Structures are given as C-alpha cells and as structure tokens.
Protein backbone atom coordinates (compact mmCIF):
# COMPACT_ATOMS: atom_id res chain seq x y z
CA MET A 1 -68.18 -28.51 14.23
CA GLU A 2 -71.98 -28.55 14.79
CA HIS A 3 -72.59 -26.87 11.44
CA SER A 4 -70.18 -29.28 9.72
CA THR A 5 -71.90 -32.32 11.25
CA HIS A 6 -75.28 -31.01 10.18
CA ASN A 7 -73.99 -30.44 6.65
CA ILE A 8 -72.48 -33.92 6.42
CA ASN A 9 -75.71 -35.52 7.65
CA TYR A 10 -77.67 -33.50 5.10
CA MET A 11 -75.30 -34.52 2.32
CA LYS A 12 -75.61 -38.18 3.37
CA TYR A 13 -79.40 -37.96 2.95
CA ILE A 14 -78.92 -36.37 -0.49
CA THR A 15 -76.43 -39.09 -1.43
CA LEU A 16 -78.85 -41.83 -0.34
CA PHE A 17 -81.59 -40.24 -2.42
CA LEU A 18 -79.30 -40.06 -5.45
CA LEU A 19 -78.12 -43.64 -5.04
CA ILE A 20 -81.72 -44.86 -4.93
CA SER A 21 -82.50 -42.75 -8.00
CA VAL A 22 -79.55 -44.26 -9.82
CA LEU A 23 -80.68 -47.78 -9.04
CA LEU A 24 -84.15 -46.96 -10.34
CA TYR A 25 -82.78 -45.13 -13.37
CA GLY A 26 -81.70 -48.34 -15.09
CA ILE A 27 -81.24 -46.97 -18.59
CA ASP A 28 -78.83 -44.65 -20.31
CA HIS A 29 -79.72 -41.00 -19.88
CA THR A 30 -80.25 -39.02 -23.08
CA THR A 31 -81.66 -35.52 -23.41
CA SER A 32 -82.20 -33.13 -26.28
CA SER A 33 -79.73 -30.29 -26.57
CA ASN A 34 -80.49 -26.83 -25.22
CA GLN A 35 -79.78 -25.46 -28.65
CA ALA A 36 -78.36 -27.43 -31.56
CA ILE A 37 -75.80 -25.85 -33.85
CA ALA A 38 -74.60 -26.95 -37.23
CA THR A 39 -71.44 -28.61 -35.95
CA SER A 40 -72.93 -30.57 -33.07
CA SER A 41 -75.69 -33.00 -32.22
CA SER A 42 -74.50 -33.51 -28.63
CA SER A 43 -76.65 -32.45 -25.70
CA THR A 44 -75.44 -30.37 -22.78
CA SER A 45 -75.87 -33.47 -20.59
CA GLU A 46 -73.46 -35.57 -22.65
CA LEU A 47 -70.34 -33.39 -22.77
CA PRO A 48 -67.97 -32.03 -20.16
CA ILE A 49 -66.69 -28.48 -20.62
CA TYR A 50 -63.41 -28.39 -22.57
CA SER A 51 -63.23 -24.62 -23.02
CA VAL A 52 -65.52 -21.59 -22.86
CA ASP A 53 -66.43 -19.03 -25.48
CA THR A 54 -65.49 -15.56 -24.21
CA ASP A 55 -64.35 -12.26 -25.66
CA LYS A 56 -61.97 -11.81 -22.74
CA PRO A 57 -58.33 -13.02 -23.01
CA ILE A 58 -58.64 -15.25 -19.95
CA LEU A 59 -57.51 -18.82 -19.22
CA ALA A 60 -58.28 -21.29 -16.44
CA LEU A 61 -55.23 -22.96 -14.92
CA THR A 62 -56.11 -26.34 -13.41
CA PHE A 63 -53.99 -28.79 -11.43
CA ASP A 64 -54.93 -32.40 -10.84
CA SER A 65 -53.78 -33.40 -7.36
CA ALA A 66 -53.57 -37.09 -6.57
CA TRP A 67 -49.89 -37.79 -5.82
CA GLY A 68 -47.47 -35.96 -3.53
CA ASP A 69 -47.39 -32.41 -2.19
CA GLU A 70 -43.65 -31.73 -2.31
CA ASP A 71 -43.92 -29.07 -5.01
CA LEU A 72 -47.15 -27.44 -3.84
CA GLU A 73 -45.67 -24.52 -1.93
CA ASP A 74 -43.40 -23.65 -4.88
CA ILE A 75 -46.38 -23.78 -7.24
CA LEU A 76 -48.47 -21.56 -4.98
CA THR A 77 -45.60 -19.06 -4.69
CA ILE A 78 -45.27 -18.85 -8.47
CA LEU A 79 -49.03 -18.46 -8.92
CA GLU A 80 -49.03 -15.64 -6.38
CA LYS A 81 -46.15 -13.91 -8.21
CA HIS A 82 -48.27 -13.85 -11.37
CA ASN A 83 -51.54 -13.03 -9.61
CA ALA A 84 -52.85 -16.24 -11.15
CA PRO A 85 -55.73 -17.94 -9.32
CA ALA A 86 -56.00 -21.64 -10.15
CA THR A 87 -58.34 -24.57 -9.62
CA PHE A 88 -56.98 -27.70 -7.93
CA PHE A 89 -58.88 -30.90 -8.67
CA VAL A 90 -58.11 -33.07 -5.64
CA THR A 91 -58.92 -36.65 -4.77
CA GLY A 92 -60.43 -37.43 -1.40
CA GLU A 93 -57.50 -39.71 -0.59
CA TRP A 94 -55.04 -36.88 -1.36
CA ALA A 95 -57.04 -34.50 0.80
CA GLU A 96 -57.00 -36.97 3.68
CA LYS A 97 -53.26 -37.52 3.33
CA TYR A 98 -52.43 -33.80 2.96
CA PRO A 99 -55.11 -31.85 4.86
CA GLU A 100 -52.83 -28.86 5.38
CA ALA A 101 -52.31 -28.66 1.61
CA ILE A 102 -56.06 -28.36 1.07
CA LYS A 103 -56.27 -25.62 3.66
CA LEU A 104 -53.29 -23.78 2.15
CA ILE A 105 -54.75 -23.90 -1.37
CA ASP A 106 -57.97 -22.41 -0.03
CA GLN A 107 -56.20 -19.81 2.14
CA LYS A 108 -54.19 -18.60 -0.86
CA GLY A 109 -57.41 -17.83 -2.71
CA HIS A 110 -57.43 -20.73 -5.11
CA GLU A 111 -60.33 -23.05 -5.84
CA VAL A 112 -60.58 -26.62 -4.60
CA ALA A 113 -62.49 -28.94 -6.94
CA ASN A 114 -63.50 -32.59 -6.98
CA HIS A 115 -61.40 -35.32 -8.66
CA GLY A 116 -63.19 -38.29 -7.13
CA ASN A 117 -62.26 -40.06 -3.94
CA SER A 118 -59.75 -42.65 -5.13
CA HIS A 119 -58.87 -41.80 -8.77
CA LYS A 120 -60.95 -44.58 -10.30
CA HIS A 121 -61.78 -45.04 -13.96
CA MET A 122 -65.28 -43.59 -13.67
CA SER A 123 -66.48 -44.97 -17.01
CA GLN A 124 -65.77 -48.50 -15.77
CA ILE A 125 -67.81 -48.40 -12.56
CA SER A 126 -71.52 -48.36 -11.77
CA LYS A 127 -73.54 -45.19 -11.35
CA THR A 128 -73.86 -45.97 -7.65
CA GLU A 129 -70.06 -46.15 -7.33
CA MET A 130 -69.70 -42.92 -9.33
CA ALA A 131 -71.98 -41.12 -6.91
CA LYS A 132 -70.03 -42.47 -3.94
CA GLU A 133 -66.68 -41.42 -5.45
CA ILE A 134 -67.90 -37.85 -5.92
CA GLN A 135 -69.71 -37.58 -2.58
CA ASP A 136 -66.92 -39.09 -0.45
CA CYS A 137 -64.44 -36.56 -1.83
CA HIS A 138 -66.96 -33.77 -1.32
CA ASN A 139 -67.45 -34.66 2.34
CA ILE A 140 -63.72 -34.89 3.08
CA VAL A 141 -62.95 -31.48 1.57
CA TYR A 142 -65.98 -29.85 3.20
CA ASP A 143 -64.81 -31.08 6.58
CA LEU A 144 -61.43 -29.43 5.99
CA ILE A 145 -62.41 -26.01 4.62
CA GLY A 146 -66.19 -25.74 5.16
CA LYS A 147 -66.88 -25.07 1.47
CA ASP A 148 -68.87 -26.98 -1.12
CA MET A 149 -66.95 -27.78 -4.28
CA THR A 150 -68.81 -27.14 -7.53
CA SER A 151 -66.62 -28.58 -10.31
CA PHE A 152 -65.72 -32.22 -10.99
CA ARG A 153 -63.09 -33.66 -13.33
CA ALA A 154 -63.11 -37.38 -14.04
CA PRO A 155 -59.76 -39.09 -13.35
CA TYR A 156 -57.78 -39.85 -16.51
CA SER A 157 -60.18 -37.43 -18.26
CA GLU A 158 -62.39 -40.45 -19.01
CA TRP A 159 -65.95 -39.38 -19.80
CA ASN A 160 -69.08 -40.94 -21.16
CA SER A 161 -72.72 -39.88 -20.97
CA ASP A 162 -73.26 -41.70 -17.66
CA VAL A 163 -70.28 -39.98 -16.00
CA VAL A 164 -71.47 -36.56 -17.18
CA TYR A 165 -75.04 -37.34 -16.10
CA MET A 166 -73.98 -38.41 -12.62
CA THR A 167 -71.72 -35.35 -12.29
CA HIS A 168 -74.66 -33.07 -13.02
CA SER A 169 -76.96 -35.12 -10.77
CA MET A 170 -74.58 -34.51 -7.87
CA GLY A 171 -74.83 -30.75 -8.43
CA TYR A 172 -71.46 -30.40 -10.14
CA SER A 173 -70.24 -28.91 -13.41
CA ALA A 174 -68.31 -31.44 -15.52
CA ILE A 175 -64.87 -30.04 -16.41
CA ASN A 176 -62.34 -31.42 -18.86
CA HIS A 177 -59.60 -29.39 -20.61
CA SER A 178 -58.65 -28.12 -24.06
CA VAL A 179 -54.89 -27.70 -23.46
CA ASP A 180 -53.01 -30.65 -21.94
CA SER A 181 -49.51 -29.67 -20.81
CA LEU A 182 -48.48 -33.36 -20.93
CA ASP A 183 -46.41 -32.62 -17.81
CA TRP A 184 -47.33 -36.09 -16.54
CA LYS A 185 -45.21 -37.61 -19.34
CA ASP A 186 -42.01 -36.09 -17.87
CA TYR A 187 -40.75 -34.78 -21.21
CA GLY A 188 -38.98 -31.89 -19.47
CA VAL A 189 -39.36 -28.19 -18.70
CA ASP A 190 -39.08 -26.88 -22.26
CA SER A 191 -41.62 -29.41 -23.49
CA ILE A 192 -44.24 -28.22 -20.99
CA ILE A 193 -43.70 -24.57 -21.92
CA ARG A 194 -43.90 -25.23 -25.68
CA THR A 195 -46.83 -27.62 -25.40
CA VAL A 196 -48.96 -25.06 -23.56
CA CYS A 197 -47.84 -21.77 -25.08
CA GLU A 198 -47.83 -23.02 -28.68
CA HIS A 199 -50.86 -25.30 -28.38
CA LYS A 200 -53.17 -25.23 -31.40
CA ASP A 201 -56.22 -24.92 -29.14
CA LEU A 202 -54.87 -22.14 -26.93
CA GLN A 203 -57.38 -19.28 -27.12
CA ASN A 204 -59.66 -17.15 -24.96
CA GLY A 205 -61.44 -19.42 -22.52
CA SER A 206 -59.04 -22.36 -22.71
CA ILE A 207 -58.80 -24.71 -19.73
CA ILE A 208 -55.20 -25.83 -19.14
CA LEU A 209 -54.37 -29.15 -17.50
CA LEU A 210 -51.34 -29.37 -15.20
CA HIS A 211 -50.40 -31.63 -12.28
CA ASN A 212 -48.74 -30.95 -8.99
CA GLY A 213 -46.52 -33.89 -8.20
CA ALA A 214 -45.23 -34.10 -11.79
CA THR A 215 -41.46 -33.96 -12.13
CA TYR A 216 -41.00 -30.74 -14.09
CA THR A 217 -44.20 -28.72 -13.58
CA LYS A 218 -42.97 -26.33 -10.90
CA ASP A 219 -39.78 -25.63 -12.87
CA ALA A 220 -41.73 -24.81 -16.04
CA LEU A 221 -44.54 -22.83 -14.44
CA ASP A 222 -42.92 -19.41 -14.02
CA VAL A 223 -41.72 -19.15 -17.63
CA MET A 224 -44.95 -20.66 -18.94
CA LEU A 225 -47.08 -18.06 -17.15
CA THR A 226 -44.80 -15.25 -18.28
CA LYS A 227 -45.13 -16.31 -21.91
CA LEU A 228 -48.91 -16.58 -21.61
CA GLU A 229 -49.01 -13.09 -20.12
CA GLU A 230 -46.89 -11.83 -23.01
CA GLN A 231 -49.58 -13.21 -25.32
CA GLY A 232 -52.08 -11.02 -23.48
CA TYR A 233 -53.73 -13.61 -21.25
CA SER A 234 -54.72 -13.40 -17.60
CA PHE A 235 -56.07 -16.14 -15.35
CA VAL A 236 -59.32 -17.03 -13.60
CA LYS A 237 -60.75 -19.91 -11.60
CA VAL A 238 -62.88 -22.47 -13.43
CA SER A 239 -66.00 -21.30 -11.57
CA GLU A 240 -65.36 -17.77 -12.85
CA LEU A 241 -65.00 -18.95 -16.45
CA ILE A 242 -67.85 -21.38 -17.10
CA TYR A 243 -71.57 -20.88 -17.68
CA THR A 244 -73.79 -22.80 -15.25
CA SER A 245 -77.09 -22.35 -17.09
CA ASP A 246 -78.54 -21.48 -20.51
CA TYR A 247 -75.60 -22.79 -22.52
CA TYR A 248 -74.77 -25.14 -25.40
CA PHE A 249 -71.69 -26.83 -26.89
CA ASP A 250 -70.05 -27.21 -30.25
CA HIS A 251 -68.50 -30.51 -31.33
CA THR A 252 -65.20 -29.71 -29.53
CA GLY A 253 -66.84 -29.33 -26.11
CA ARG A 254 -66.50 -25.54 -26.22
CA GLN A 255 -69.24 -23.99 -24.10
CA PHE A 256 -71.31 -21.08 -25.44
CA SER A 257 -73.89 -18.89 -23.74
CA ASN A 258 -77.34 -18.77 -25.33
CA LYS A 259 -77.66 -15.19 -24.09
CA LYS A 260 -75.03 -14.04 -26.58
CA ILE A 261 -77.24 -15.00 -29.53
CA ASN A 262 -80.66 -14.03 -28.16
C-alpha cells in the first residue's frame, strides 16, 4: 500500500494545482484547431471523440456503470465468449459500492474508465467541481486496481467546451459515442439489437454505448455481438481505438489522424 499512498498523495498535489489553475483561468477556453477541414470549424479542445477514422473493421464496446451489478457477471461471460474486450465507464460511487466488480472487470482484461464520482451534470457545475468529480473517481479506482484510467465520459453525455477542456486538463481523453443502443429506455431485447446493428452511424471505428444495470442489455448482448461479427466487425478497448495526439475532428466528432494525410 506504500506505493498506492504515494500515488494518491501525488495525485492530490496535481489536483490542487489544477484547482488553483481553474480558479485563475476565469474565462472560457478556446483554441485553434490542429487542422481545419471543410466540414468543421471546431477545435480538438472543444469536442469529445464520437468515433474514430480507421480502415480496420473494429468497434469499441462501452458500458456506463452507475447502477447495480446484478448482470455484470453475465455480461462478462458473454464478452469472453466473443473475445470482445470492452471499456466500462464507472462512477466513483459505483466503484466504492461494488469494489469486487471493478477488480473483476480488470481481471477479465477489460478497461476501466472514468464516469465521474457521483454522476453529476458536468455542464452545470463549476470547473473546480468538474476537476473534483474526475479526480475523486480516479483515486477510488486506482486504490482498487493500481491503474490510472485514461478515458472520461461525461454523465448523460453532456458536453460543452469547459467539460472537454477540464477533461484534457486532468490528463484524460474525452469520449462520447456514435451508436447509442438506447438500452436505458427499456424498449426490449429486439430493440437493442436492431438499434445497434442497423444504426445509420455504425461503421469502422464506431463507439457503442451500452449500460450494465439496464433491464434487457445482458439478454440482447449475445445476439447483438453475433450479428456485428457477421457484419465483419471485431472489438477493441477505447484506448486501443483512439488517437491521443496529432489528430483533428470533422463536424460529427469523428477523430482523424493527421499522419494519414501528411
């Protein structure tokens, strides 16, 4: 635990520095884009990643985890059956309530990512509170698995330039999604499968949003993954899909690498 304590103390100093910086910042953050394209005037600091441009037929499966763990073992079993690594965006409160779930996700080879500490509407709170939401979750998960998370998704998928700026300031990539399963609406198994597999934005590099704790997700997952595989897709973690430097966006939030056009 000595290393963990040292890490937490270090992160607290970083957090204090960031909080002071936020208080001094005082104005909206705006930067010029890495590389403008005809369809976009947004900068890389103002958009989260919705999807990623890639020639490979790969998708990122993501699960938001903020309520319940009753279906988690079933979900992990199905993911293992399909050799499908996933990224679980967890809240700090969920991690505290279900510490063994966090450890199991990690042990099964999946990625644990940051969903804020208490599932707040990030666009409605101060920059100082944003930083605390991200850092508190980070510390809780680090204490459980000894790993630093690198991706953050805002609860309710609510983003503005301040939320994206603070995400990047905390050393995180800002992750949204391009394919929403709508499993949280409890429309049923068939609806989840159709919504994902026939989605107009399903393509190489799509990021798919699912939830553990939703009523029908675990029952739809096996067939959904099978159908996606039949379309030629395989699955990767978010950190294996995204670019972390030298990139730009189009107007849809699709991330492109500058290296592909140099």
